Amino acid sequence: MECPHLSSSVCIAPDSAKFPNGSPSSWCCSVCRSNKSPWVCLTCSSVHCGRYVNGHAKKHYEDAQVPLTNHKKSEKQDKVQHTVCMDCSSYSTYCYRCDDFVVNDTKLGLVQKVREHLQNLENSAFTADRHKKRKLLENSTLNSKLLKVNGSTTAICATGLRNLGNTCFMNAILQSLSNIEQFCCYFKELPAVELRNGKTAGRRTYHTRSQGDNNVSLVEEFRKTLCALWQGSQTAFSPESLFYVVWKIMPNFRGYQQQDAHEFMRYLLDHLHLELQGGFNGVSRSAILQENSTLSASNKCCINGASTVVTAIFGGILQNEVNCLICGTESRKFDPFLDLSLDIPSQFRSKRSKNQENGPVCSLRVHCLYKRHLVLMLPKSICLDCLRSFTDLEELDETELYMCHKCKKKQKSTKKFWIQKLPKVLCLHLKRFHWTAYLRNKVDTYVEFPLRGLDMKCYLLEPENSGPESCLYDLAAVVVHHGSGVGSGHYTAYATHEGRWFHFNDSTVTLTDEETVVKAKAYILFYVEHQAKAGSDKL
């Protein structure tokens, strides 16, 4: 928003000696000494913690307000106000009087000058910290940051993502996509485009409304974010530039409230797909696709226009069969998909204790029980699971009557899905949130899922045309929602990288094991095609 209080609140000089030492992102609150979410007042340069810590930045603003008892005090209050502050990590500006984030600047550009000064301090501190870490590595004094693999010691190279204010939903998806090798490498190998020249060349760009939409590129900011991950930096990366672009082109995600990670993933992939189709950064889409020989025409699935890396990696095709129960007429339709949303059967939706052994267990996969048009009747404990619930034959209810072209009117019918083409990366979304009369509740049921060898052959339309291992998938990443509601809680992700499993919790990245991963209550699962072992006879 355009804030009218900047001229009376932004009073500090960019080169002020009152700033604390060290990197701004690690400055401590002057009251509680917490270094989480530091904010600097743009009136007096004092540092306090944000409202999600102990709220001393807001209290500083409230304490500075002079009661309006007479006209003179009112004039004094208008001259100097501690209403505007800046996030020392993301450099976002906030006005407590407007109670909103600020996008404009003073006539002299003081806000941007302060921002650039804080960035310079951060870069200087980062350079010094990197130099210290290099010396530590040379002296072999690292302990907790090192891991023994096959008898040798290596540094943990994973990088976390800062939470910009309930942006864990975005961080979990970004970390998951960064561990899908073929998809991530494609973007990292794209040519970089410098948005600024001259004195500011090489500096991180902070977008403002004055720049307009011409310089906004989701592909470019997504590329920068992926490049920042897995670089070995122990300092978490702040994706504020990417988040700004998300605000620009995805209005549903504006603000700092909690969002649905699956909804964000779909919007992200759809917009990346659309931008890649039209070309970006002066490089045409066709030229980029031609450079990547691994994306052959046979592996592409068109969704909303021409094929891109998004559809080449995540794209599959469903066959939707609808049969009229009156005359038996069958209608077939092919639908492209980027992910499959799976219901958790109602039988497994009972509330469970933290001990997952107490209560029903729902499974992601089942034995292959399907014939072409025949469903074998087996006990419910075997038949009802997530994938079967998706592909099972179902009778459409009265609100979904099928318009039969032979009967010339809407009739009762059955519907069934088959997978006509499997994608390179199979994304499975478990529908954990469902509407009741007034609320959207969460299904907290534990769903068993395999780490390796998920066999999708029994769901294929023509399984006889598939090779023995062409339908097998191995788990690459899992997004988990912690909490009770879609508008609250917290998102984290598990992902495997070079044979090791990591847990991504915003800025914190820790090593974990397979036993921990399989116990997670998955929300989104990313499966990649099974790769044959080296030395296999398979051609």
Protein backbone atom coordinates (compact mmCIF):
# COMPACT_ATOMS: atom_id res chain seq x y z
CA MET A 1 0.00 0.00 0.00
CA GLU A 2 0.99 3.66 -0.41
CA CYS A 3 1.83 4.93 3.08
CA PRO A 4 1.30 8.67 3.86
CA HIS A 5 3.47 8.60 7.00
CA LEU A 6 6.93 8.08 5.52
CA SER A 7 7.94 11.74 5.46
CA SER A 8 7.31 12.09 9.20
CA SER A 9 8.72 8.73 10.24
CA VAL A 10 11.80 7.99 8.11
CA CYS A 11 14.46 10.14 9.77
CA ILE A 12 17.60 7.99 10.04
CA ALA A 13 20.57 8.38 7.72
CA PRO A 14 21.60 5.33 5.69
CA ASP A 15 25.17 5.55 7.00
CA SER A 16 24.09 5.98 10.60
CA ALA A 17 26.65 4.77 13.14
CA LYS A 18 23.83 3.83 15.51
CA PHE A 19 23.26 0.49 13.80
CA PRO A 20 24.44 -2.58 15.77
CA ASN A 21 27.41 -4.62 14.61
CA GLY A 22 27.09 -7.78 12.58
CA SER A 23 24.60 -8.83 9.93
CA PRO A 24 21.15 -7.17 10.18
CA SER A 25 19.39 -10.55 9.94
CA SER A 26 21.04 -11.59 13.24
CA TRP A 27 20.57 -8.32 15.19
CA CYS A 28 19.07 -8.73 18.66
CA CYS A 29 16.03 -7.05 20.15
CA SER A 30 17.12 -4.28 22.52
CA VAL A 31 14.54 -5.45 25.08
CA CYS A 32 14.50 -9.27 25.11
CA ARG A 33 17.76 -9.87 23.19
CA SER A 34 16.02 -12.30 20.81
CA ASN A 35 17.61 -12.51 17.34
CA LYS A 36 14.47 -13.93 15.73
CA SER A 37 12.64 -11.60 13.33
CA PRO A 38 14.52 -8.34 14.05
CA TRP A 39 12.94 -5.05 12.89
CA VAL A 40 14.66 -1.65 12.83
CA CYS A 41 12.75 1.56 13.51
CA LEU A 42 13.25 4.04 10.66
CA THR A 43 12.88 6.96 13.07
CA CYS A 44 15.50 6.15 15.70
CA SER A 45 17.29 3.03 14.32
CA SER A 46 16.46 0.97 17.43
CA VAL A 47 16.04 -2.78 16.89
CA HIS A 48 13.17 -4.81 18.31
CA CYS A 49 11.60 -8.23 17.71
CA GLY A 50 8.54 -8.78 15.54
CA ARG A 51 4.97 -9.48 16.59
CA TYR A 52 5.42 -13.25 16.16
CA VAL A 53 8.22 -13.28 18.75
CA ASN A 54 7.54 -10.93 21.67
CA GLY A 55 6.12 -7.97 19.76
CA HIS A 56 8.58 -5.35 21.08
CA ALA A 57 8.71 -3.53 17.70
CA LYS A 58 4.99 -2.82 17.94
CA LYS A 59 5.30 -1.90 21.62
CA HIS A 60 8.07 0.56 20.69
CA TYR A 61 5.62 2.26 18.31
CA GLU A 62 2.83 2.30 20.90
CA ASP A 63 5.09 3.71 23.66
CA ALA A 64 6.31 6.48 21.36
CA GLN A 65 2.84 7.83 20.67
CA VAL A 66 2.10 11.04 22.59
CA PRO A 67 -1.44 11.32 24.02
CA LEU A 68 -3.45 13.96 22.14
CA THR A 69 -4.16 16.22 25.14
CA ASN A 70 -3.49 19.56 23.47
CA HIS A 71 -2.73 21.11 20.09
CA LYS A 72 1.02 21.48 20.69
CA LYS A 73 1.47 17.79 21.48
CA SER A 74 -0.49 16.94 18.38
CA GLU A 75 1.87 19.01 16.25
CA LYS A 76 4.88 17.33 17.88
CA GLN A 77 3.40 13.92 17.19
CA ASP A 78 2.97 14.76 13.51
CA LYS A 79 6.62 15.78 13.23
CA VAL A 80 8.24 12.66 14.69
CA GLN A 81 6.56 9.28 14.72
CA HIS A 82 8.05 5.82 15.23
CA THR A 83 5.43 4.25 13.00
CA VAL A 84 7.54 2.78 10.18
CA CYS A 85 10.03 -0.06 10.56
CA MET A 86 11.96 -2.41 8.29
CA ASP A 87 12.44 -6.17 8.47
CA CYS A 88 16.18 -6.78 8.87
CA SER A 89 15.93 -10.09 6.99
CA SER A 90 13.61 -9.46 4.03
CA TYR A 91 13.93 -5.61 3.99
CA SER A 92 10.15 -5.25 3.80
CA THR A 93 8.79 -1.99 5.21
CA TYR A 94 5.79 -1.89 7.55
CA CYS A 95 3.72 0.98 8.96
CA TYR A 96 2.03 0.27 12.29
CA ARG A 97 -0.29 3.22 11.92
CA CYS A 98 -1.55 1.94 8.54
CA ASP A 99 -1.18 -1.65 9.81
CA ASP A 100 0.10 -2.78 6.42
CA PHE A 101 3.25 -3.27 4.38
CA VAL A 102 4.58 -0.25 2.47
CA VAL A 103 5.59 -0.18 -1.20
CA ASN A 104 6.24 3.55 -1.78
CA ASP A 105 9.21 5.71 -0.72
CA THR A 106 9.98 9.26 0.38
CA LYS A 107 10.77 11.95 -2.18
CA LEU A 108 14.47 11.57 -1.38
CA GLY A 109 14.29 7.75 -1.60
CA LEU A 110 15.37 7.29 2.03
CA VAL A 111 13.68 3.92 2.44
CA GLN A 112 15.56 2.44 -0.51
CA LYS A 113 18.82 3.96 0.75
CA VAL A 114 18.34 2.35 4.16
CA ARG A 115 17.46 -0.93 2.47
CA GLU A 116 20.61 -0.90 0.33
CA HIS A 117 22.70 0.01 3.39
CA LEU A 118 21.31 -2.98 5.30
CA GLN A 119 21.96 -5.21 2.28
CA ASN A 120 25.57 -4.02 2.17
CA LEU A 121 25.96 -4.76 5.88
CA GLU A 122 24.47 -8.21 5.35
CA ASN A 123 26.75 -8.93 2.38
CA SER A 124 29.82 -7.76 4.29
CA ALA A 125 28.92 -9.91 7.27
CA PHE A 126 28.22 -12.86 4.97
CA THR A 127 31.61 -12.48 3.26
CA ALA A 128 33.37 -12.36 6.62
CA ASP A 129 31.40 -15.34 7.87
CA ARG A 130 32.23 -17.33 4.72
CA HIS A 131 35.91 -16.53 5.18
CA LYS A 132 35.76 -17.81 8.75
CA LYS A 133 34.01 -20.99 7.68
CA ARG A 134 36.58 -21.58 4.98
CA LYS A 135 39.31 -21.39 7.61
CA LEU A 136 37.38 -23.75 9.84
CA LEU A 137 37.12 -26.25 7.01
CA GLU A 138 40.81 -25.93 6.28
CA ASN A 139 41.62 -26.57 9.92
CA SER A 140 39.19 -29.54 10.06
CA THR A 141 37.44 -28.18 13.12
CA LEU A 142 33.85 -28.57 11.93
CA ASN A 143 31.89 -31.06 13.98
CA SER A 144 28.11 -30.80 13.98
CA LYS A 145 28.06 -29.49 10.40
CA LEU A 146 29.92 -32.52 9.07
CA LEU A 147 28.63 -35.92 8.15
CA LYS A 148 30.49 -39.19 7.64
CA VAL A 149 29.54 -40.88 4.38
CA ASN A 150 31.33 -44.09 3.33
CA GLY A 151 34.14 -43.35 5.74
CA SER A 152 34.78 -39.80 4.47
CA THR A 153 33.65 -36.54 6.07
CA THR A 154 31.62 -34.04 4.05
CA ALA A 155 29.77 -30.82 4.87
CA ILE A 156 25.98 -30.65 4.83
CA CYS A 157 25.30 -28.57 1.72
CA ALA A 158 21.55 -27.96 2.11
CA THR A 159 20.33 -24.37 2.48
CA GLY A 160 17.16 -23.34 4.29
CA LEU A 161 14.58 -20.72 3.26
CA ARG A 162 13.59 -17.85 5.52
CA ASN A 163 9.97 -17.56 6.52
CA LEU A 164 8.70 -14.16 5.36
CA GLY A 165 5.56 -14.38 7.48
CA ASN A 166 3.54 -17.62 7.23
CA THR A 167 5.32 -18.53 3.98
CA CYS A 168 6.16 -22.08 5.10
CA PHE A 169 3.68 -23.34 2.48
CA MET A 170 5.88 -21.83 -0.25
CA ASN A 171 9.17 -22.94 1.34
CA ALA A 172 8.05 -26.58 1.58
CA ILE A 173 7.07 -26.67 -2.12
CA LEU A 174 10.28 -24.92 -3.25
CA GLN A 175 12.48 -27.33 -1.29
CA SER A 176 10.57 -30.31 -2.70
CA LEU A 177 10.89 -29.09 -6.31
CA SER A 178 14.58 -28.34 -5.78
CA ASN A 179 15.14 -32.04 -5.11
CA ILE A 180 13.52 -33.20 -8.35
CA GLU A 181 16.78 -33.31 -10.25
CA GLN A 182 15.70 -33.10 -13.88
CA PHE A 183 13.19 -30.32 -13.20
CA CYS A 184 15.57 -28.30 -11.02
CA CYS A 185 18.57 -28.64 -13.36
CA TYR A 186 16.54 -27.34 -16.30
CA PHE A 187 15.87 -24.01 -14.57
CA LYS A 188 19.36 -23.70 -13.07
CA GLU A 189 20.89 -24.03 -16.54
CA LEU A 190 18.75 -21.26 -18.04
CA PRO A 191 20.65 -18.07 -19.00
CA ALA A 192 20.58 -15.40 -16.30
CA VAL A 193 19.31 -11.91 -17.08
CA GLU A 194 20.59 -8.83 -15.29
CA LEU A 195 17.72 -6.55 -14.41
CA ARG A 196 19.98 -3.72 -13.26
CA ASN A 197 23.17 -2.23 -14.68
CA GLY A 198 25.87 0.26 -13.75
CA LYS A 199 26.55 0.86 -10.09
CA THR A 200 23.96 -1.66 -8.92
CA ALA A 201 25.12 -4.53 -11.13
CA GLY A 202 25.48 -7.71 -9.13
CA ARG A 203 23.36 -6.53 -6.23
CA ARG A 204 20.18 -8.30 -5.24
CA THR A 205 17.20 -6.55 -6.80
CA TYR A 206 14.40 -5.41 -4.52
CA HIS A 207 11.23 -4.96 -6.52
CA THR A 208 8.94 -1.99 -5.93
CA ARG A 209 5.63 -0.99 -7.45
CA SER A 210 7.33 1.82 -9.40
CA GLN A 211 9.14 -0.75 -11.53
CA GLY A 212 5.85 -1.93 -13.01
CA ASP A 213 5.17 -5.41 -14.35
CA ASN A 214 7.65 -5.35 -17.25
CA ASN A 215 10.55 -6.60 -15.12
CA VAL A 216 8.52 -9.26 -13.33
CA SER A 217 9.53 -12.77 -14.37
CA LEU A 218 8.43 -15.78 -12.34
CA VAL A 219 10.82 -18.04 -14.27
CA GLU A 220 13.79 -15.76 -13.51
CA GLU A 221 13.06 -15.47 -9.79
CA PHE A 222 12.33 -19.20 -9.57
CA ARG A 223 15.68 -19.86 -11.27
CA LYS A 224 17.51 -17.58 -8.81
CA THR A 225 15.91 -19.32 -5.85
CA LEU A 226 16.84 -22.80 -7.07
CA CYS A 227 20.42 -21.64 -7.73
CA ALA A 228 20.65 -20.36 -4.14
CA LEU A 229 19.79 -23.79 -2.74
CA TRP A 230 22.36 -26.59 -2.39
CA GLN A 231 25.27 -24.15 -2.55
CA GLY A 232 26.63 -25.12 0.86
CA SER A 233 25.66 -21.85 2.54
CA GLN A 234 24.79 -22.22 6.22
CA THR A 235 22.85 -18.93 6.05
CA ALA A 236 19.23 -19.35 5.04
CA PHE A 237 18.21 -17.77 1.73
CA SER A 238 15.43 -15.18 1.74
CA PRO A 239 13.05 -15.64 -1.24
CA GLU A 240 11.47 -12.17 -0.95
CA SER A 241 11.96 -11.35 -4.65
CA LEU A 242 10.17 -14.53 -5.69
CA PHE A 243 7.42 -13.85 -3.16
CA TYR A 244 6.96 -10.35 -4.61
CA VAL A 245 6.47 -11.81 -8.08
CA VAL A 246 3.99 -14.32 -6.61
CA TRP A 247 2.03 -11.38 -5.19
CA LYS A 248 2.09 -9.68 -8.58
CA ILE A 249 0.83 -12.55 -10.72
CA MET A 250 -1.07 -14.67 -8.17
CA PRO A 251 -3.45 -12.35 -6.29
CA ASN A 252 -4.80 -15.27 -4.23
CA PHE A 253 -1.49 -15.41 -2.33
CA ARG A 254 -1.17 -11.73 -1.42
CA GLY A 255 -0.80 -11.07 2.27
CA TYR A 256 0.85 -13.01 5.06
CA GLN A 257 -1.84 -15.47 6.08
CA GLN A 258 -1.31 -19.22 5.88
CA GLN A 259 -2.08 -20.74 2.45
CA ASP A 260 -2.64 -24.23 1.06
CA ALA A 261 0.66 -25.72 -0.16
CA HIS A 262 -1.03 -27.84 -2.83
CA GLU A 263 -2.94 -24.87 -4.22
CA PHE A 264 0.28 -22.87 -4.32
CA MET A 265 2.12 -25.68 -6.12
CA ARG A 266 -0.57 -25.86 -8.82
CA TYR A 267 -0.59 -22.09 -9.34
CA LEU A 268 3.22 -22.05 -9.46
CA LEU A 269 3.49 -24.83 -12.03
CA ASP A 270 0.67 -23.39 -14.15
CA HIS A 271 2.24 -19.92 -14.28
CA LEU A 272 5.72 -21.31 -14.98
CA HIS A 273 4.17 -23.31 -17.82
CA LEU A 274 2.41 -20.25 -19.27
CA GLU A 275 5.49 -18.02 -19.01
CA LEU A 276 7.72 -20.63 -20.63
CA GLN A 277 5.33 -20.92 -23.55
CA GLY A 278 5.54 -17.21 -24.35
CA GLY A 279 9.31 -16.91 -23.99
CA PHE A 280 11.09 -14.87 -21.31
CA ASN A 281 14.27 -12.89 -20.74
CA GLY A 282 14.68 -12.52 -24.49
CA VAL A 283 15.02 -16.29 -25.02
CA SER A 284 12.28 -18.09 -26.89
CA ARG A 285 10.67 -21.16 -25.37
CA SER A 286 11.42 -23.31 -28.41
CA ALA A 287 15.12 -22.44 -28.31
CA ILE A 288 15.33 -23.42 -24.64
CA LEU A 289 13.56 -26.73 -25.18
CA GLN A 290 15.84 -27.59 -28.10
CA GLU A 291 18.89 -27.16 -25.88
CA ASN A 292 17.64 -29.83 -23.50
CA SER A 293 17.87 -33.08 -25.43
CA THR A 294 16.35 -35.10 -22.60
CA LEU A 295 12.92 -33.54 -23.22
CA SER A 296 11.98 -35.41 -26.37
CA ALA A 297 8.65 -34.96 -28.09
CA SER A 298 7.45 -38.37 -26.92
CA ASN A 299 7.77 -37.29 -23.30
CA LYS A 300 5.69 -34.13 -23.60
CA CYS A 301 2.10 -33.66 -22.51
CA CYS A 302 0.37 -30.49 -23.69
CA ILE A 303 -1.69 -28.60 -21.13
CA ASN A 304 -3.10 -25.19 -22.06
CA GLY A 305 -1.05 -24.84 -25.23
CA ALA A 306 2.43 -25.95 -26.26
CA SER A 307 4.53 -28.32 -24.19
CA THR A 308 7.13 -27.04 -21.70
CA VAL A 309 9.44 -28.59 -19.13
CA VAL A 310 6.52 -28.47 -16.65
CA THR A 311 4.33 -30.75 -18.74
CA ALA A 312 7.30 -32.83 -19.89
CA ILE A 313 8.16 -33.69 -16.26
CA PHE A 314 4.82 -33.63 -14.42
CA GLY A 315 2.39 -34.16 -17.30
CA GLY A 316 0.33 -37.32 -17.61
CA ILE A 317 -2.94 -38.24 -19.31
CA LEU A 318 -6.11 -39.71 -17.80
CA GLN A 319 -8.89 -41.49 -19.68
CA ASN A 320 -12.29 -40.65 -18.25
CA GLU A 321 -14.93 -43.29 -19.03
CA VAL A 322 -18.62 -42.49 -18.49
CA ASN A 323 -21.26 -45.21 -19.09
CA CYS A 324 -24.99 -44.55 -19.35
CA LEU A 325 -26.83 -46.98 -17.05
CA ILE A 326 -29.96 -46.85 -19.23
CA CYS A 327 -28.68 -47.60 -22.73
CA GLY A 328 -25.08 -48.63 -22.02
CA THR A 329 -23.52 -45.92 -24.22
CA GLU A 330 -19.86 -45.32 -23.30
CA SER A 331 -18.18 -41.93 -23.58
CA ARG A 332 -14.40 -41.59 -23.40
CA LYS A 333 -12.44 -38.42 -22.83
CA PHE A 334 -8.71 -37.82 -22.38
CA ASP A 335 -7.67 -35.28 -19.74
CA PRO A 336 -4.08 -34.08 -19.13
CA PHE A 337 -2.95 -33.76 -15.50
CA LEU A 338 0.00 -32.44 -13.49
CA ASP A 339 -0.93 -34.21 -10.26
CA LEU A 340 -3.53 -36.64 -8.93
CA SER A 341 -5.70 -35.66 -5.95
CA LEU A 342 -6.61 -38.75 -3.94
CA ASP A 343 -9.44 -39.05 -1.41
CA ILE A 344 -8.78 -40.68 1.94
CA PRO A 345 -11.72 -43.12 2.17
CA SER A 346 -14.30 -42.14 4.78
CA GLN A 347 -13.76 -45.41 6.68
CA PHE A 348 -10.29 -44.17 7.66
CA ARG A 349 -11.25 -40.65 8.72
CA SER A 350 -11.71 -41.35 12.43
CA LYS A 351 -9.63 -39.29 14.78
CA ARG A 352 -6.43 -40.94 15.94
CA SER A 353 -4.06 -40.50 18.81
CA LYS A 354 -0.43 -39.57 18.36
CA ASN A 355 0.35 -43.27 18.63
CA GLN A 356 -0.42 -44.36 15.08
CA GLU A 357 -0.79 -48.01 16.12
CA ASN A 358 -4.20 -47.17 17.63
CA GLY A 359 -6.74 -46.89 14.85
CA PRO A 360 -7.17 -47.81 11.18
CA VAL A 361 -4.29 -47.46 8.74
CA CYS A 362 -4.96 -46.33 5.19
CA SER A 363 -2.63 -47.49 2.40
CA LEU A 364 -1.53 -45.58 -0.67
CA ARG A 365 -1.10 -48.66 -2.87
CA VAL A 366 -2.88 -52.01 -3.25
CA HIS A 367 -2.56 -55.27 -5.12
CA CYS A 368 -3.53 -55.18 -8.80
CA LEU A 369 -7.13 -56.35 -8.72
CA TYR A 370 -8.56 -54.72 -11.84
CA LYS A 371 -9.57 -56.26 -15.11
CA ARG A 372 -10.54 -54.06 -18.05
CA HIS A 373 -14.21 -53.66 -17.11
CA LEU A 374 -14.41 -55.87 -14.03
CA VAL A 375 -13.95 -55.02 -10.36
CA LEU A 376 -13.28 -58.11 -8.24
CA MET A 377 -15.22 -58.09 -5.00
CA LEU A 378 -12.77 -58.41 -2.10
CA PRO A 379 -12.93 -57.42 1.58
CA LYS A 380 -13.14 -53.68 2.28
CA SER A 381 -9.87 -53.74 4.18
CA ILE A 382 -8.12 -54.59 0.89
CA CYS A 383 -10.21 -52.70 -1.66
CA LEU A 384 -10.47 -49.31 0.00
CA ASP A 385 -7.31 -47.23 -0.28
CA CYS A 386 -6.32 -43.89 -1.80
CA LEU A 387 -5.32 -44.89 -5.32
CA ARG A 388 -8.16 -47.39 -5.62
CA SER A 389 -10.63 -44.75 -4.40
CA PHE A 390 -9.46 -42.52 -7.26
CA THR A 391 -9.63 -45.13 -10.04
CA ASP A 392 -12.59 -47.15 -8.74
CA LEU A 393 -15.83 -47.39 -10.69
CA GLU A 394 -18.39 -45.04 -9.12
CA GLU A 395 -22.01 -44.16 -9.80
CA LEU A 396 -22.59 -40.45 -10.28
CA ASP A 397 -25.16 -38.93 -7.95
CA GLU A 398 -28.31 -37.01 -8.91
CA THR A 399 -26.44 -33.70 -9.11
CA GLU A 400 -24.00 -35.08 -11.73
CA LEU A 401 -26.36 -36.70 -14.24
CA TYR A 402 -24.69 -37.47 -17.57
CA MET A 403 -26.08 -36.03 -20.80
CA CYS A 404 -26.40 -39.18 -22.92
CA HIS A 405 -26.19 -38.38 -26.63
CA LYS A 406 -28.10 -41.55 -27.52
CA CYS A 407 -30.91 -41.07 -24.98
CA LYS A 408 -30.94 -37.32 -25.71
CA LYS A 409 -31.31 -36.47 -22.03
CA LYS A 410 -29.48 -36.60 -18.71
CA GLN A 411 -29.27 -40.11 -17.30
CA LYS A 412 -27.79 -41.98 -14.37
CA SER A 413 -24.29 -43.15 -15.20
CA THR A 414 -21.03 -44.54 -13.88
CA LYS A 415 -17.57 -43.00 -14.10
CA LYS A 416 -14.12 -44.53 -14.01
CA PHE A 417 -10.60 -43.20 -14.49
CA TRP A 418 -7.71 -44.98 -16.19
CA ILE A 419 -4.20 -43.62 -16.57
CA GLN A 420 -3.40 -43.47 -20.27
CA LYS A 421 0.12 -42.04 -19.81
CA LEU A 422 2.25 -41.85 -16.67
CA PRO A 423 4.46 -38.78 -16.04
CA LYS A 424 8.18 -38.72 -15.30
CA VAL A 425 7.37 -37.31 -11.85
CA LEU A 426 4.15 -38.55 -10.28
CA CYS A 427 2.75 -36.01 -7.84
CA LEU A 428 0.09 -37.40 -5.47
CA HIS A 429 -2.01 -35.01 -3.38
CA LEU A 430 -3.89 -36.53 -0.43
CA LYS A 431 -7.15 -34.67 0.22
CA ARG A 432 -6.69 -34.00 3.91
CA PHE A 433 -9.01 -30.98 4.01
CA HIS A 434 -12.75 -31.38 3.46
CA TRP A 435 -15.79 -29.21 4.01
CA THR A 436 -18.41 -29.93 6.64
CA ALA A 437 -21.52 -27.77 7.09
CA TYR A 438 -19.57 -24.69 8.15
CA LEU A 439 -15.90 -25.58 8.50
CA ARG A 440 -13.06 -27.03 6.47
CA ASN A 441 -11.71 -29.82 8.64
CA LYS A 442 -8.51 -31.82 8.37
CA VAL A 443 -8.33 -35.59 7.96
CA ASP A 444 -5.43 -36.53 10.22
CA THR A 445 -5.35 -40.22 9.24
CA TYR A 446 -1.95 -41.80 8.78
CA VAL A 447 -1.51 -43.06 5.20
CA GLU A 448 1.15 -45.69 4.50
CA PHE A 449 3.30 -44.91 1.47
CA PRO A 450 6.30 -46.73 -0.02
CA LEU A 451 9.75 -45.18 -0.30
CA ARG A 452 10.60 -47.33 -3.29
CA GLY A 453 8.88 -49.36 -5.95
CA LEU A 454 5.44 -47.76 -6.11
CA ASP A 455 3.90 -49.85 -8.91
CA MET A 456 1.35 -47.99 -11.04
CA LYS A 457 0.95 -50.67 -13.69
CA CYS A 458 -2.46 -51.88 -12.47
CA TYR A 459 -3.93 -48.40 -13.00
CA LEU A 460 -2.78 -48.12 -16.61
CA LEU A 461 -5.20 -48.29 -19.51
CA GLU A 462 -2.90 -50.61 -21.49
CA PRO A 463 -0.50 -52.21 -18.97
CA GLU A 464 0.58 -54.88 -21.46
CA ASN A 465 2.40 -52.20 -23.48
CA SER A 466 4.59 -51.17 -20.51
CA GLY A 467 7.97 -52.60 -19.56
CA PRO A 468 8.56 -54.44 -16.26
CA GLU A 469 10.10 -51.38 -14.56
CA SER A 470 8.58 -48.51 -16.55
CA CYS A 471 5.72 -48.14 -14.03
CA LEU A 472 7.86 -48.17 -10.87
CA TYR A 473 8.42 -44.98 -8.88
CA ASP A 474 10.70 -44.00 -5.99
CA LEU A 475 9.89 -41.27 -3.47
CA ALA A 476 11.79 -37.99 -3.90
CA ALA A 477 10.00 -35.61 -1.53
CA VAL A 478 7.10 -35.35 0.93
CA VAL A 479 5.26 -32.22 2.07
CA VAL A 480 3.71 -32.49 5.55
CA HIS A 481 1.09 -30.25 7.16
CA HIS A 482 1.32 -29.97 10.95
CA GLY A 483 -1.78 -28.67 12.70
CA SER A 484 -5.55 -28.90 12.48
CA GLY A 485 -6.72 -26.48 9.79
CA VAL A 486 -5.81 -25.37 6.27
CA GLY A 487 -5.62 -21.71 7.37
CA SER A 488 -3.31 -22.48 10.28
CA GLY A 489 -0.60 -24.92 11.23
CA HIS A 490 2.82 -25.29 9.65
CA TYR A 491 4.34 -26.94 6.55
CA THR A 492 7.66 -28.80 6.38
CA ALA A 493 9.16 -31.10 3.76
CA TYR A 494 11.28 -34.24 3.61
CA ALA A 495 13.41 -34.81 0.52
CA THR A 496 16.22 -37.09 -0.58
CA HIS A 497 19.42 -35.73 -2.08
CA GLU A 498 22.34 -37.91 -3.19
CA GLY A 499 21.11 -40.83 -1.11
CA ARG A 500 20.49 -38.86 2.08
CA TRP A 501 17.17 -37.70 3.54
CA PHE A 502 16.81 -34.12 4.78
CA HIS A 503 14.08 -32.39 6.78
CA PHE A 504 13.38 -28.83 5.58
CA ASN A 505 11.74 -26.65 8.22
CA ASP A 506 12.01 -23.10 6.84
CA SER A 507 15.51 -21.85 7.81
CA THR A 508 16.45 -25.10 9.53
CA VAL A 509 17.70 -28.10 7.56
CA THR A 510 18.56 -31.33 9.37
CA LEU A 511 19.60 -34.81 8.33
CA THR A 512 17.05 -37.51 9.01
CA ASP A 513 16.48 -41.19 8.23
CA GLU A 514 14.00 -43.31 6.28
CA GLU A 515 12.28 -44.52 9.46
CA THR A 516 11.33 -40.93 10.30
CA VAL A 517 10.13 -40.18 6.76
CA VAL A 518 7.76 -43.16 6.52
CA LYS A 519 6.08 -42.13 9.78
CA ALA A 520 5.16 -38.69 8.41
CA LYS A 521 1.51 -37.89 7.74
CA ALA A 522 2.02 -36.99 4.10
CA TYR A 523 0.04 -34.26 2.34
CA ILE A 524 1.85 -34.16 -1.04
CA LEU A 525 4.09 -36.96 -2.35
CA PHE A 526 6.56 -36.57 -5.23
CA TYR A 527 7.57 -39.85 -6.91
CA VAL A 528 10.20 -40.01 -9.66
CA GLU A 529 10.65 -42.76 -12.23
CA HIS A 530 12.67 -45.68 -10.91
CA GLN A 531 16.20 -45.67 -12.33
CA ALA A 532 17.73 -49.04 -13.21
CA LYS A 533 20.98 -49.76 -11.39
CA ALA A 534 24.25 -49.34 -13.22
CA GLY A 535 25.37 -52.50 -14.92
CA SER A 536 21.84 -53.68 -15.61
CA ASP A 537 21.16 -55.64 -18.77
CA LYS A 538 18.24 -53.38 -19.56
CA LEU A 539 18.94 -51.24 -22.65
